Amino acid sequence: MKADSVFINGEVVTVDQNNRVVEAVAIKENRIIAVGSNKEVEEYRTDETVVIDLGGKALLPGFIDAHLHLTIYGTNLLGVSCVAPHIQSLQDIFADLRKKAQETPKGQWVRAWGFNETKLKENRFPTKEELDEISTDHPIVVIRTCNHTSIANSKALEIANFSESTPDPDGGIIERNQSGNLTGKLLENAHMQLFKYASYSKEELRKGMKLASDEFIQAGITSVHDAGAYGDGSQTLQIMQQAIKSNEINVRVYAIIGSLTNSHDFVHKMVEAGPITGLGDDWFKIGPAKLFTDGSSVGPTIATRQPYSHAQDDYGIIYYSQDELNRILGEAHKKGFQITAHAQGDRAIEMLLNCIEKALLEHPRIDHRHRIEHAGIASRDLQERMKKLGVVAIPNPVFMFANGDRYLEFYGERVKVMYPARDYADRGIIAAFGSDAPVSFLDPLLGIHAAVNRRSWKGQAVGENQCIDIMEAIRAYTWNGAYASFEEKSKGSIEVGKLADLVVLNDSILHVDKTKIKDVKVELTMVDGEVLYDPTYLLTSNNKKRKKHIKL
C-alpha cells in the first residue's frame, strides 16, 4: 500500500497505549497506514506522495472537544460581541448594539454575547432602561458569557410574556427590584425560557454552524461533542445533519441529546422516537441523553452542599428533584442511551450519581460510559463513587484560567477539588476535556496549558494540587474524548487503521516551557486525510505544480 501523504522529521505524539513519540506517519485516503521512524515510513512513499517535512514540530491526533456548543458558538458570531478588543465599557457595548439595531428590521432580535461585567470598567450589568434607550422597536438581549444569565429590554420581556405577575419558573429567577418591577435580568431557567422566543431562523442556524466549524478547524479541533443549543433540539439536529452532508460542517459531531430550553422535553421525545446512543457514522452520531441539574460556576448558581464562601445563605439552584432526575434519565438508560447531565456543584453531582446508581441497579449494563458534564466541585467521596460506577468525567480546566480568581472568592478551599484532573488520573477515572465554548475559550492548547499550570489569567494559583503533566493533558483532549463517545477504536490516537485526523503545531509541545504552552499555535489541521487548515497555503493551494516535498 502506497501513501498519498507522509509526515516526516516530526515529534509525533501518538497517544497510543505506550505514549510513543515517533518521527513519521503515512496516510492513504482517510486512514493512517504507517507510524514509526522516517526509515519505516519511507517504504510507503512514491513519486506521487506528498511529503510534509515537520522539521521537529509536533504532530498530534486531532483535538476532541468533549463539551462545547456548536450552534450557540456559531450563532453568537452573527450578533454583537462583548469580547471584541475594543469593548472596555458598557458604553462600547451600547454603541455596537445601537449600530446593530439600525441595521436590523424593526421587530427582529438584536443580541449580544460574551458579556462579562467583571471585565468592564463599570463592573455591573446593563439595566433594562439602558437597553430601552437603544431601541424599543427591537427586542434586545445581552447574554452573559456563562449562557445562564441575560439582560433583556422591555420589548424582549413583552415578547417572552414576562411581566411583574409572572411567577419564577422552576430552576430560574425573573429578577425584580424592591418595588417589584422587572429589572430585565433573567437567571437560569428564566434565561433559557427567553430563547423560546429569541430563536434563530433555519438560515441563521446553518450559517452559524459553518462559521463555528471553520473556527474549530483553525483551532485544531477535528471532533466535537455538541452539548446542545436553545430551542427545538430536534430541528437543530436535523439542520446539523444537513450541514454535515453538504460539507458546511467539517468536524465530526457526537450530538448530545439536550437542549438549553426544557431539556427534559427533548430527551423524552428522543427516547420515545427510538434511536439511541451510537446511531450514525464517523461524521455524525447520536450521543447521550442530557439534562441540566444546576447553574453556572461563575454565576454563581451551581448547587452546593455547603454555602458559597462569599454568601453564607446561598446554595445555588437545582433544576430537578431527585425523583424527576431518576425518572427522566432512568428511562433513557433503560432504552439504551448513554446518560449525562450538566452538574457543576457537589450537590448536583451527588444527585446525578444517585440517578446513575439507581439506573444501573434496576437495569444493569456493562460499559455504559455514563458521563458527568463539568463535574465542577468533585470532592473525593464523589470521585470514589465515579470510579465505582464507571462514570466518565467531562471537566473544563480552561475555566481555572478564565474564572479562577472568582472561584477562590465563591468557593474558597473547594478549588482544590474543582475540575480535579490530578485526582482523576490517579484514581483511574477517565476524564475527557471540553472547553464549553462559547462559555469559555475554545483553544485546546489553552485548555492544556490550564490543566498543566492551574493558574488564572491574572497569574493566581488555583488548586495547584490538581496539576497534571503535558502528556496526560494531551490524552484528555484526544483519546479520552474518543473513549467518552465509544470511538477510541477509530480515532483519538495516531495508530495504524485509525482515521487520519491530525494537527500540526508550530513548535515541540513536549519540550516547550510549560508556562508557554498557551503560546503554541496550530499550523495545520487534517480531517479525514484532507488538509482543511493551512495558513501558509503550502498544502491547500490549488497550484498543481506545487512541490511534493514541503517544509513546514
Protein backbone atom coordinates (compact mmCIF):
# COMPACT_ATOMS: atom_id res chain seq x y z
CA MET A 1 0.00 0.00 0.00
CA LYS A 2 1.41 3.37 -1.01
CA ALA A 3 0.76 6.63 0.79
CA ASP A 4 -0.99 9.70 -0.52
CA SER A 5 0.91 11.78 2.02
CA VAL A 6 3.55 11.30 4.71
CA PHE A 7 4.73 13.41 7.61
CA ILE A 8 8.44 13.06 8.44
CA ASN A 9 11.02 14.51 10.87
CA GLY A 10 8.40 15.29 13.48
CA GLU A 11 7.65 14.99 17.14
CA VAL A 12 4.76 12.61 16.55
CA VAL A 13 2.84 12.28 19.82
CA THR A 14 0.89 9.11 19.13
CA VAL A 15 -1.14 8.94 22.41
CA ASP A 16 -1.15 5.18 21.93
CA GLN A 17 -1.19 2.76 24.86
CA ASN A 18 2.53 3.35 25.48
CA ASN A 19 2.53 7.09 24.71
CA ARG A 20 5.11 6.53 21.99
CA VAL A 21 6.74 9.53 20.36
CA VAL A 22 7.97 8.77 16.84
CA GLU A 23 9.15 10.60 13.71
CA ALA A 24 6.77 9.85 10.89
CA VAL A 25 3.25 8.93 9.74
CA ALA A 26 1.86 7.74 6.40
CA ILE A 27 -1.69 8.44 5.18
CA LYS A 28 -3.69 6.64 2.48
CA GLU A 29 -7.04 8.21 1.63
CA ASN A 30 -8.64 8.84 5.05
CA ARG A 31 -6.66 6.33 7.15
CA ILE A 32 -3.30 6.08 8.85
CA ILE A 33 -1.31 3.24 7.26
CA ALA A 34 2.08 3.53 9.00
CA VAL A 35 3.51 5.05 12.17
CA GLY A 36 7.16 4.95 13.15
CA SER A 37 10.61 6.17 12.16
CA ASN A 38 11.42 8.05 8.97
CA LYS A 39 13.01 4.85 7.66
CA GLU A 40 9.95 2.74 8.44
CA VAL A 41 7.62 5.16 6.69
CA GLU A 42 9.94 5.64 3.69
CA GLU A 43 8.75 2.41 2.04
CA TYR A 44 5.23 3.85 1.69
CA ARG A 45 6.42 6.76 -0.47
CA THR A 46 6.12 7.05 -4.23
CA ASP A 47 6.91 9.85 -6.65
CA GLU A 48 3.31 11.00 -6.24
CA THR A 49 3.31 11.05 -2.42
CA VAL A 50 3.11 14.49 -0.83
CA VAL A 51 5.88 14.65 1.77
CA ILE A 52 5.42 17.08 4.67
CA ASP A 53 8.67 17.75 6.50
CA LEU A 54 7.75 18.78 10.04
CA GLY A 55 11.22 19.95 10.98
CA GLY A 56 10.83 18.82 14.59
CA LYS A 57 7.37 20.32 15.09
CA ALA A 58 4.69 18.40 16.97
CA LEU A 59 2.12 16.24 15.22
CA LEU A 60 -0.82 15.19 17.41
CA PRO A 61 -4.14 13.41 16.98
CA GLY A 62 -6.81 15.95 16.11
CA PHE A 63 -8.18 17.52 19.27
CA ILE A 64 -11.53 16.23 20.51
CA ASP A 65 -13.52 18.81 22.45
CA ALA A 66 -15.81 16.71 24.65
CA HIS A 67 -18.18 19.55 25.56
CA LEU A 68 -18.97 22.66 23.58
CA HIS A 69 -21.99 24.27 21.96
CA LEU A 70 -21.50 24.28 18.19
CA THR A 71 -24.74 26.05 17.30
CA ILE A 72 -24.53 28.68 20.02
CA TYR A 73 -20.87 29.35 19.19
CA GLY A 74 -21.78 29.90 15.55
CA THR A 75 -24.92 31.99 16.01
CA ASN A 76 -23.06 34.17 18.50
CA LEU A 77 -20.81 35.21 15.64
CA LEU A 78 -23.89 36.72 13.96
CA GLY A 79 -24.50 39.07 16.90
CA VAL A 80 -22.69 41.77 18.87
CA SER A 81 -19.50 40.54 20.52
CA CYS A 82 -18.86 41.73 24.06
CA VAL A 83 -15.37 40.21 23.93
CA ALA A 84 -14.15 42.21 20.94
CA PRO A 85 -10.84 44.00 21.69
CA HIS A 86 -12.42 47.47 21.66
CA ILE A 87 -15.02 46.60 24.31
CA GLN A 88 -13.89 48.22 27.55
CA SER A 89 -17.12 49.61 28.95
CA LEU A 90 -20.90 49.37 28.80
CA GLN A 91 -20.92 52.41 26.53
CA ASP A 92 -18.83 50.47 23.98
CA ILE A 93 -21.40 47.67 24.04
CA PHE A 94 -24.29 50.13 23.76
CA ALA A 95 -22.67 51.75 20.71
CA ASP A 96 -22.38 48.38 18.95
CA LEU A 97 -25.94 47.43 19.91
CA ARG A 98 -27.21 50.73 18.56
CA LYS A 99 -25.41 50.16 15.27
CA LYS A 100 -26.77 46.62 15.05
CA ALA A 101 -30.31 47.87 15.73
CA GLN A 102 -30.01 50.40 12.92
CA GLU A 103 -29.08 47.55 10.54
CA THR A 104 -31.87 45.25 11.76
CA PRO A 105 -35.52 45.46 10.63
CA LYS A 106 -37.91 46.58 13.37
CA GLY A 107 -39.32 43.74 15.41
CA GLN A 108 -36.32 41.46 14.83
CA TRP A 109 -33.96 40.44 17.62
CA VAL A 110 -30.72 42.22 18.47
CA ARG A 111 -28.43 40.01 20.51
CA ALA A 112 -25.10 40.50 22.26
CA TRP A 113 -22.99 37.63 23.58
CA GLY A 114 -19.97 37.05 25.80
CA PHE A 115 -20.95 39.73 28.33
CA ASN A 116 -18.80 39.72 31.47
CA GLU A 117 -19.38 42.56 33.90
CA THR A 118 -16.07 41.90 35.69
CA LYS A 119 -14.11 42.84 32.54
CA LEU A 120 -15.77 46.26 32.16
CA LYS A 121 -14.84 49.49 33.90
CA GLU A 122 -18.36 49.84 35.34
CA ASN A 123 -18.24 46.26 36.76
CA ARG A 124 -22.03 45.89 36.50
CA PHE A 125 -24.82 44.64 34.27
CA PRO A 126 -26.66 46.99 31.95
CA THR A 127 -30.17 47.91 33.01
CA LYS A 128 -33.41 47.29 31.17
CA GLU A 129 -33.84 51.04 30.86
CA GLU A 130 -30.42 51.46 29.23
CA LEU A 131 -31.32 48.83 26.64
CA ASP A 132 -34.68 50.54 26.08
CA GLU A 133 -32.80 53.73 25.24
CA ILE A 134 -31.12 51.88 22.38
CA SER A 135 -34.43 50.69 20.95
CA THR A 136 -37.94 49.80 21.96
CA ASP A 137 -38.76 48.70 18.40
CA HIS A 138 -36.36 45.76 18.66
CA PRO A 139 -36.24 43.03 21.30
CA ILE A 140 -32.70 43.23 22.72
CA VAL A 141 -30.93 40.66 24.85
CA VAL A 142 -27.41 40.73 26.27
CA ILE A 143 -26.21 37.23 27.13
CA ARG A 144 -23.68 36.71 29.87
CA THR A 145 -20.59 34.66 28.97
CA CYS A 146 -21.84 31.73 31.09
CA ASN A 147 -25.01 31.40 28.95
CA HIS A 148 -27.02 31.06 32.16
CA THR A 149 -27.92 34.75 32.66
CA SER A 150 -29.09 37.57 30.41
CA ILE A 151 -30.46 41.11 30.46
CA ALA A 152 -33.45 41.91 28.23
CA ASN A 153 -35.13 45.15 27.27
CA SER A 154 -38.84 45.81 27.67
CA LYS A 155 -39.70 44.63 24.16
CA ALA A 156 -37.94 41.29 24.72
CA LEU A 157 -39.69 40.78 28.05
CA GLU A 158 -43.04 41.58 26.44
CA ILE A 159 -42.49 39.06 23.63
CA ALA A 160 -41.49 36.40 26.18
CA ASN A 161 -44.65 37.13 28.23
CA PHE A 162 -42.60 38.09 31.30
CA SER A 163 -44.38 40.63 33.50
CA GLU A 164 -44.41 41.65 37.16
CA SER A 165 -47.08 39.00 37.80
CA THR A 166 -45.18 36.15 36.07
CA PRO A 167 -44.03 33.58 38.64
CA ASP A 168 -40.42 32.45 38.60
CA PRO A 169 -40.08 29.21 36.62
CA ASP A 170 -38.71 26.13 38.36
CA GLY A 171 -34.93 26.47 38.46
CA GLY A 172 -34.99 30.11 37.37
CA ILE A 173 -35.37 33.70 38.54
CA ILE A 174 -37.04 36.67 36.85
CA GLU A 175 -35.32 39.41 38.81
CA ARG A 176 -37.35 42.22 40.33
CA ASN A 177 -36.31 45.34 42.21
CA GLN A 178 -37.53 46.32 45.66
CA SER A 179 -40.65 47.82 44.13
CA GLY A 180 -41.50 44.55 42.40
CA ASN A 181 -40.69 45.84 38.90
CA LEU A 182 -38.74 43.73 36.43
CA THR A 183 -35.06 44.65 36.13
CA GLY A 184 -34.63 42.74 32.87
CA LYS A 185 -32.18 40.30 34.42
CA LEU A 186 -33.05 36.65 33.85
CA LEU A 187 -31.25 33.81 35.60
CA GLU A 188 -31.01 30.11 34.74
CA ASN A 189 -34.33 28.63 33.57
CA ALA A 190 -35.87 32.10 33.10
CA HIS A 191 -32.97 32.92 30.77
CA MET A 192 -33.42 29.58 28.99
CA GLN A 193 -37.15 30.19 28.51
CA LEU A 194 -36.50 33.54 26.86
CA PHE A 195 -34.93 31.63 23.98
CA LYS A 196 -38.23 30.03 23.09
CA TYR A 197 -38.82 33.46 21.57
CA ALA A 198 -35.31 34.73 20.82
CA SER A 199 -34.66 31.83 18.44
CA TYR A 200 -32.81 31.96 15.14
CA SER A 201 -34.11 31.15 11.67
CA LYS A 202 -33.03 27.95 9.93
CA GLU A 203 -30.83 30.02 7.62
CA GLU A 204 -29.14 31.73 10.56
CA LEU A 205 -28.57 28.41 12.32
CA ARG A 206 -26.95 26.89 9.26
CA LYS A 207 -24.80 29.93 8.60
CA GLY A 208 -23.68 29.96 12.23
CA MET A 209 -22.81 26.26 12.16
CA LYS A 210 -20.48 26.79 9.21
CA LEU A 211 -18.78 29.73 10.92
CA ALA A 212 -18.29 27.63 14.04
CA SER A 213 -16.91 24.66 12.11
CA ASP A 214 -14.36 26.88 10.38
CA GLU A 215 -13.11 28.25 13.69
CA PHE A 216 -12.93 24.77 15.24
CA ILE A 217 -10.76 23.53 12.37
CA GLN A 218 -8.43 26.52 12.78
CA ALA A 219 -8.07 25.58 16.47
CA GLY A 220 -7.05 22.02 15.56
CA ILE A 221 -10.36 20.54 16.70
CA THR A 222 -11.45 17.67 14.46
CA SER A 223 -14.26 16.20 16.59
CA VAL A 224 -16.75 17.80 18.96
CA HIS A 225 -19.31 16.59 21.46
CA ASP A 226 -22.07 19.11 20.88
CA ALA A 227 -23.80 19.87 24.18
CA GLY A 228 -26.93 21.40 22.73
CA ALA A 229 -28.45 24.76 21.93
CA TYR A 230 -31.51 26.84 22.69
CA GLY A 231 -34.90 25.99 21.27
CA ASP A 232 -36.11 22.90 19.43
CA GLY A 233 -33.34 20.33 19.71
CA SER A 234 -34.85 18.11 17.01
CA GLN A 235 -34.72 20.94 14.47
CA THR A 236 -31.13 21.75 15.43
CA LEU A 237 -30.05 18.13 14.93
CA GLN A 238 -31.78 18.00 11.55
CA ILE A 239 -30.08 21.17 10.35
CA MET A 240 -26.74 19.95 11.71
CA GLN A 241 -27.01 16.69 9.77
CA GLN A 242 -27.86 18.59 6.60
CA ALA A 243 -24.88 20.91 7.10
CA ILE A 244 -22.55 17.94 7.58
CA LYS A 245 -23.81 16.23 4.41
CA SER A 246 -23.22 19.40 2.41
CA ASN A 247 -19.70 19.84 3.86
CA GLU A 248 -20.61 23.06 5.63
CA ILE A 249 -19.58 21.40 8.90
CA ASN A 250 -16.19 19.72 8.58
CA VAL A 251 -15.73 18.44 12.12
CA ARG A 252 -17.09 15.12 13.36
CA VAL A 253 -20.07 15.57 15.69
CA TYR A 254 -21.18 13.47 18.64
CA ALA A 255 -24.59 15.02 19.28
CA ILE A 256 -25.59 15.15 22.93
CA ILE A 257 -29.38 14.92 23.21
CA GLY A 258 -30.05 18.00 25.28
CA SER A 259 -31.44 21.48 24.87
CA LEU A 260 -30.89 24.59 26.96
CA THR A 261 -34.66 25.13 26.76
CA ASN A 262 -36.69 22.45 28.57
CA SER A 263 -34.12 19.72 28.06
CA HIS A 264 -36.46 17.09 29.52
CA ASP A 265 -38.92 17.59 26.65
CA PHE A 266 -36.24 16.90 24.06
CA VAL A 267 -34.91 13.88 25.95
CA HIS A 268 -38.43 12.45 26.24
CA LYS A 269 -39.09 13.00 22.53
CA MET A 270 -35.86 11.24 21.52
CA VAL A 271 -36.35 8.35 23.95
CA GLU A 272 -39.82 7.77 22.52
CA ALA A 273 -38.61 8.11 18.91
CA GLY A 274 -36.35 5.06 19.13
CA PRO A 275 -32.77 6.00 18.09
CA ILE A 276 -30.19 5.53 20.83
CA THR A 277 -26.61 6.48 21.57
CA GLY A 278 -24.19 5.36 18.84
CA LEU A 279 -26.54 5.57 15.88
CA GLY A 280 -24.79 7.24 12.96
CA ASP A 281 -21.45 7.17 11.16
CA ASP A 282 -17.94 8.61 11.50
CA TRP A 283 -19.25 12.14 10.86
CA PHE A 284 -22.40 12.27 12.96
CA LYS A 285 -23.53 10.10 15.86
CA ILE A 286 -26.25 10.29 18.47
CA GLY A 287 -24.68 10.86 21.88
CA PRO A 288 -26.01 10.72 25.46
CA ALA A 289 -29.33 11.97 26.79
CA LYS A 290 -28.64 15.08 28.86
CA LEU A 291 -30.40 17.26 31.42
CA PHE A 292 -29.40 20.41 33.29
CA THR A 293 -29.29 19.91 37.05
CA ASP A 294 -27.84 23.21 38.26
CA GLY A 295 -26.37 26.50 37.15
CA SER A 296 -23.18 28.37 36.29
CA SER A 297 -19.93 28.08 38.24
CA VAL A 298 -19.18 31.77 37.74
CA GLY A 299 -22.79 32.99 38.09
CA PRO A 300 -22.56 31.67 40.67
CA THR A 301 -25.67 29.48 40.64
CA ILE A 302 -24.31 25.93 40.96
CA ALA A 303 -25.89 23.65 43.58
CA THR A 304 -23.53 23.09 46.50
CA ARG A 305 -23.66 21.02 49.69
CA GLN A 306 -22.16 23.88 51.68
CA PRO A 307 -22.97 27.58 51.17
CA TYR A 308 -20.88 29.79 48.94
CA SER A 309 -17.84 31.27 50.64
CA HIS A 310 -18.97 34.83 49.89
CA ALA A 311 -22.70 34.29 50.61
CA GLN A 312 -23.44 32.10 53.59
CA ASP A 313 -27.12 31.54 52.82
CA ASP A 314 -26.68 30.72 49.11
CA TYR A 315 -26.57 27.09 47.97
CA GLY A 316 -27.36 27.69 44.30
CA ILE A 317 -30.14 26.45 42.03
CA ILE A 318 -31.43 22.94 41.33
CA TYR A 319 -33.48 22.31 38.18
CA TYR A 320 -34.97 18.90 39.05
CA SER A 321 -35.85 16.89 42.13
CA GLN A 322 -34.08 13.59 42.67
CA ASP A 323 -37.21 11.69 41.65
CA GLU A 324 -37.57 13.69 38.42
CA LEU A 325 -33.92 13.14 37.55
CA ASN A 326 -34.20 9.42 38.24
CA ARG A 327 -37.34 9.11 36.14
CA ILE A 328 -36.20 11.06 33.06
CA LEU A 329 -32.63 9.79 32.78
CA GLY A 330 -33.53 6.38 34.19
CA GLU A 331 -35.91 5.83 31.30
CA ALA A 332 -33.23 6.93 28.81
CA HIS A 333 -30.77 4.46 30.36
CA LYS A 334 -33.38 1.69 30.21
CA LYS A 335 -33.88 2.31 26.47
CA GLY A 336 -30.14 2.09 25.79
CA PHE A 337 -28.93 5.67 25.95
CA GLN A 338 -25.70 6.79 27.49
CA ILE A 339 -26.87 9.37 30.05
CA THR A 340 -25.34 12.55 31.38
CA ALA A 341 -26.22 15.90 32.92
CA HIS A 342 -24.79 19.35 33.42
CA ALA A 343 -23.76 19.04 37.07
CA GLN A 344 -21.38 21.67 38.44
CA GLY A 345 -21.84 21.78 42.21
CA ASP A 346 -21.18 18.85 44.55
CA ARG A 347 -24.88 18.64 45.44
CA ALA A 348 -25.81 18.35 41.75
CA ILE A 349 -23.04 15.78 41.12
CA GLU A 350 -24.27 13.72 44.07
CA MET A 351 -27.81 13.75 42.67
CA LEU A 352 -26.62 12.62 39.25
CA LEU A 353 -24.54 9.82 40.77
CA ASN A 354 -27.61 8.74 42.76
CA CYS A 355 -29.53 8.63 39.48
CA ILE A 356 -26.86 6.61 37.67
CA GLU A 357 -26.50 4.19 40.56
CA LYS A 358 -30.26 3.58 40.67
CA ALA A 359 -30.50 3.15 36.89
CA LEU A 360 -27.67 0.58 36.86
CA LEU A 361 -29.16 -1.29 39.82
CA GLU A 362 -32.53 -1.60 38.10
CA HIS A 363 -31.17 -2.22 34.59
CA PRO A 364 -27.52 -3.35 34.73
CA ARG A 365 -25.39 -2.59 31.70
CA ILE A 366 -21.71 -3.28 31.06
CA ASP A 367 -19.61 -0.47 29.59
CA HIS A 368 -22.32 2.18 29.77
CA ARG A 369 -19.84 5.09 29.99
CA HIS A 370 -22.40 7.39 31.60
CA ARG A 371 -20.97 10.88 31.94
CA ILE A 372 -20.99 13.97 34.12
CA GLU A 373 -20.69 17.23 32.19
CA HIS A 374 -18.36 19.64 34.03
CA ALA A 375 -18.36 17.89 37.43
CA GLY A 376 -17.19 21.19 38.90
CA ILE A 377 -16.77 20.61 42.64
CA ALA A 378 -15.91 16.91 42.61
CA SER A 379 -14.95 16.16 46.19
CA ARG A 380 -13.16 12.91 46.92
CA ASP A 381 -16.19 10.99 48.16
CA LEU A 382 -17.84 11.79 44.82
CA GLN A 383 -14.73 10.72 42.94
CA GLU A 384 -14.86 7.35 44.70
CA ARG A 385 -18.44 6.88 43.53
CA MET A 386 -17.50 7.90 39.96
CA LYS A 387 -14.78 5.26 39.92
CA LYS A 388 -17.05 2.58 41.37
CA LEU A 389 -19.83 3.33 38.89
CA GLY A 390 -17.55 3.62 35.84
CA VAL A 391 -18.54 7.21 35.14
CA VAL A 392 -16.64 9.36 32.63
CA ALA A 393 -15.97 12.92 33.83
CA ILE A 394 -16.03 15.87 31.39
CA PRO A 395 -14.16 18.67 33.23
CA ASN A 396 -13.23 22.09 31.86
CA PRO A 397 -9.72 23.03 33.02
CA VAL A 398 -9.80 26.21 30.92
CA PHE A 399 -12.31 27.52 33.47
CA MET A 400 -9.49 27.72 36.01
CA PHE A 401 -7.64 30.11 33.71
CA ALA A 402 -10.72 32.15 32.82
CA ASN A 403 -12.51 32.17 36.19
CA GLY A 404 -10.02 31.06 38.82
CA ASP A 405 -9.95 34.34 40.70
CA ARG A 406 -13.74 34.30 41.05
CA TYR A 407 -13.70 30.65 42.12
CA LEU A 408 -11.41 31.49 45.02
CA GLU A 409 -13.92 34.14 46.09
CA PHE A 410 -17.01 31.95 45.63
CA TYR A 411 -15.76 28.54 46.79
CA GLY A 412 -12.61 29.06 48.88
CA GLU A 413 -10.73 25.83 49.64
CA ARG A 414 -13.10 23.88 47.40
CA VAL A 415 -10.97 24.97 44.41
CA LYS A 416 -8.67 22.11 45.41
CA VAL A 417 -11.27 19.65 44.09
CA MET A 418 -12.63 21.70 41.20
CA TYR A 419 -12.19 20.01 37.81
CA PRO A 420 -9.70 17.72 39.59
CA ALA A 421 -7.60 16.36 36.73
CA ARG A 422 -4.80 15.08 39.00
CA ASP A 423 -7.21 13.13 41.18
CA TYR A 424 -8.96 11.67 38.15
CA ALA A 425 -5.65 10.46 36.68
CA ASP A 426 -4.50 8.99 40.00
CA ARG A 427 -7.82 7.21 40.60
CA GLY A 428 -8.09 5.84 37.07
CA ILE A 429 -11.18 7.88 36.25
CA ILE A 430 -11.24 8.70 32.55
CA ALA A 431 -11.69 12.45 32.12
CA ALA A 432 -12.24 13.99 28.68
CA PHE A 433 -11.62 17.73 28.46
CA GLY A 434 -14.08 20.19 26.98
CA SER A 435 -13.94 23.95 26.54
CA ASP A 436 -17.68 24.64 26.92
CA ALA A 437 -17.17 27.25 24.18
CA PRO A 438 -18.57 29.84 23.76
CA VAL A 439 -18.90 29.94 27.54
CA SER A 440 -15.10 29.97 27.72
CA PHE A 441 -12.09 29.99 25.42
CA LEU A 442 -12.17 27.47 22.56
CA ASP A 443 -8.41 26.91 22.17
CA PRO A 444 -7.44 23.34 23.23
CA LEU A 445 -3.85 24.46 23.80
CA LEU A 446 -5.08 26.98 26.34
CA GLY A 447 -7.08 24.17 27.96
CA ILE A 448 -3.96 22.01 28.10
CA HIS A 449 -1.99 24.96 29.48
CA ALA A 450 -4.60 25.47 32.20
CA ALA A 451 -4.57 21.80 33.20
CA VAL A 452 -0.77 21.74 33.44
CA ASN A 453 -0.36 25.07 35.27
CA ARG A 454 -3.66 25.69 37.19
CA ARG A 455 -3.27 29.46 37.25
CA SER A 456 -5.80 32.16 36.48
CA TRP A 457 -5.31 34.68 33.70
CA LYS A 458 -4.08 37.05 36.41
CA GLY A 459 -1.41 34.51 37.41
CA GLN A 460 -3.01 33.41 40.67
CA ALA A 461 -2.61 29.74 41.68
CA VAL A 462 -5.98 27.96 41.79
CA GLY A 463 -5.81 24.43 43.18
CA GLU A 464 -2.26 23.64 42.07
CA ASN A 465 -2.58 20.20 43.67
CA GLN A 466 -4.60 19.23 40.57
CA CYS A 467 -1.85 19.97 38.01
CA ILE A 468 -1.17 17.19 35.51
CA ASP A 469 1.70 16.68 33.08
CA ILE A 470 1.61 17.61 29.42
CA MET A 471 1.13 14.07 28.13
CA GLU A 472 -1.80 13.49 30.48
CA ALA A 473 -3.39 16.73 29.30
CA ILE A 474 -2.94 15.84 25.63
CA ARG A 475 -4.56 12.45 26.25
CA ALA A 476 -7.52 14.15 27.94
CA TYR A 477 -8.06 16.23 24.79
CA THR A 478 -7.67 13.30 22.37
CA TRP A 479 -8.01 9.61 23.29
CA ASN A 480 -10.16 10.25 26.36
CA GLY A 481 -12.59 12.25 24.24
CA ALA A 482 -12.84 9.35 21.81
CA TYR A 483 -13.44 6.96 24.72
CA ALA A 484 -16.23 9.19 26.06
CA SER A 485 -18.09 8.69 22.76
CA PHE A 486 -17.25 4.97 22.32
CA GLU A 487 -14.95 5.83 19.38
CA GLU A 488 -11.47 5.07 20.71
CA LYS A 489 -11.01 2.29 18.13
CA SER A 490 -11.33 4.73 15.24
CA LYS A 491 -9.75 7.98 16.49
CA GLY A 492 -8.09 9.75 19.41
CA SER A 493 -4.55 8.44 18.77
CA ILE A 494 -2.12 8.10 15.88
CA GLU A 495 -2.22 4.37 15.13
CA VAL A 496 -2.46 2.23 12.01
CA GLY A 497 -6.04 1.86 10.82
CA LYS A 498 -7.39 4.95 12.55
CA LEU A 499 -8.92 7.97 10.86
CA ALA A 500 -6.42 10.50 9.56
CA ASP A 501 -7.49 13.37 11.83
CA LEU A 502 -4.28 15.19 12.72
CA VAL A 503 -2.98 18.54 13.90
CA VAL A 504 0.47 20.10 13.42
CA LEU A 505 1.72 22.68 15.92
CA ASN A 506 4.31 25.36 15.29
CA ASP A 507 6.70 24.01 17.94
CA SER A 508 7.52 20.98 20.02
CA ILE A 509 4.73 20.51 22.56
CA LEU A 510 6.71 18.16 24.81
CA HIS A 511 9.73 20.40 25.28
CA VAL A 512 8.22 23.88 25.37
CA ASP A 513 8.35 25.71 28.72
CA LYS A 514 5.12 24.62 30.43
CA THR A 515 4.25 28.23 31.23
CA LYS A 516 4.34 28.97 27.47
CA ILE A 517 2.03 26.18 26.26
CA LYS A 518 -0.75 28.70 25.64
CA ASP A 519 1.52 30.47 23.13
CA VAL A 520 1.88 27.40 20.91
CA LYS A 521 -0.23 27.68 17.74
CA VAL A 522 -1.90 25.32 15.30
CA GLU A 523 -0.11 25.28 11.95
CA LEU A 524 -2.13 22.65 10.08
CA THR A 525 -5.31 20.64 10.56
CA MET A 526 -6.12 17.45 8.66
CA VAL A 527 -9.55 15.81 8.81
CA ASP A 528 -10.31 12.52 7.08
CA GLY A 529 -6.97 12.67 5.28
CA GLU A 530 -7.63 16.13 3.83
CA VAL A 531 -5.81 19.28 4.88
CA LEU A 532 -8.52 21.79 5.82
CA TYR A 533 -6.43 24.42 7.57
CA ASP A 534 -3.04 25.53 6.34
CA PRO A 535 -2.48 29.28 6.75
CA THR A 536 0.65 29.19 4.60
CA TYR A 537 -1.31 27.52 1.75
CA LEU A 538 1.50 25.07 1.09
CA LEU A 539 -0.89 22.12 1.05
CA THR A 540 -4.34 23.56 0.40
CA SER A 541 -3.25 25.63 -2.59
CA ASN A 542 -4.80 24.75 -5.95
CA ASN A 543 -1.41 25.15 -7.61
CA LYS A 544 -0.96 21.79 -9.34
CA LYS A 545 2.75 22.43 -9.79
CA ARG A 546 3.42 22.54 -6.05
CA LYS A 547 6.43 20.61 -4.80
CA LYS A 548 5.90 17.11 -3.49
CA HIS A 549 8.34 17.74 -0.64
CA ILE A 550 7.10 20.55 1.58
CA LYS A 551 8.91 22.02 4.55
CA LEU A 552 6.53 23.37 7.18
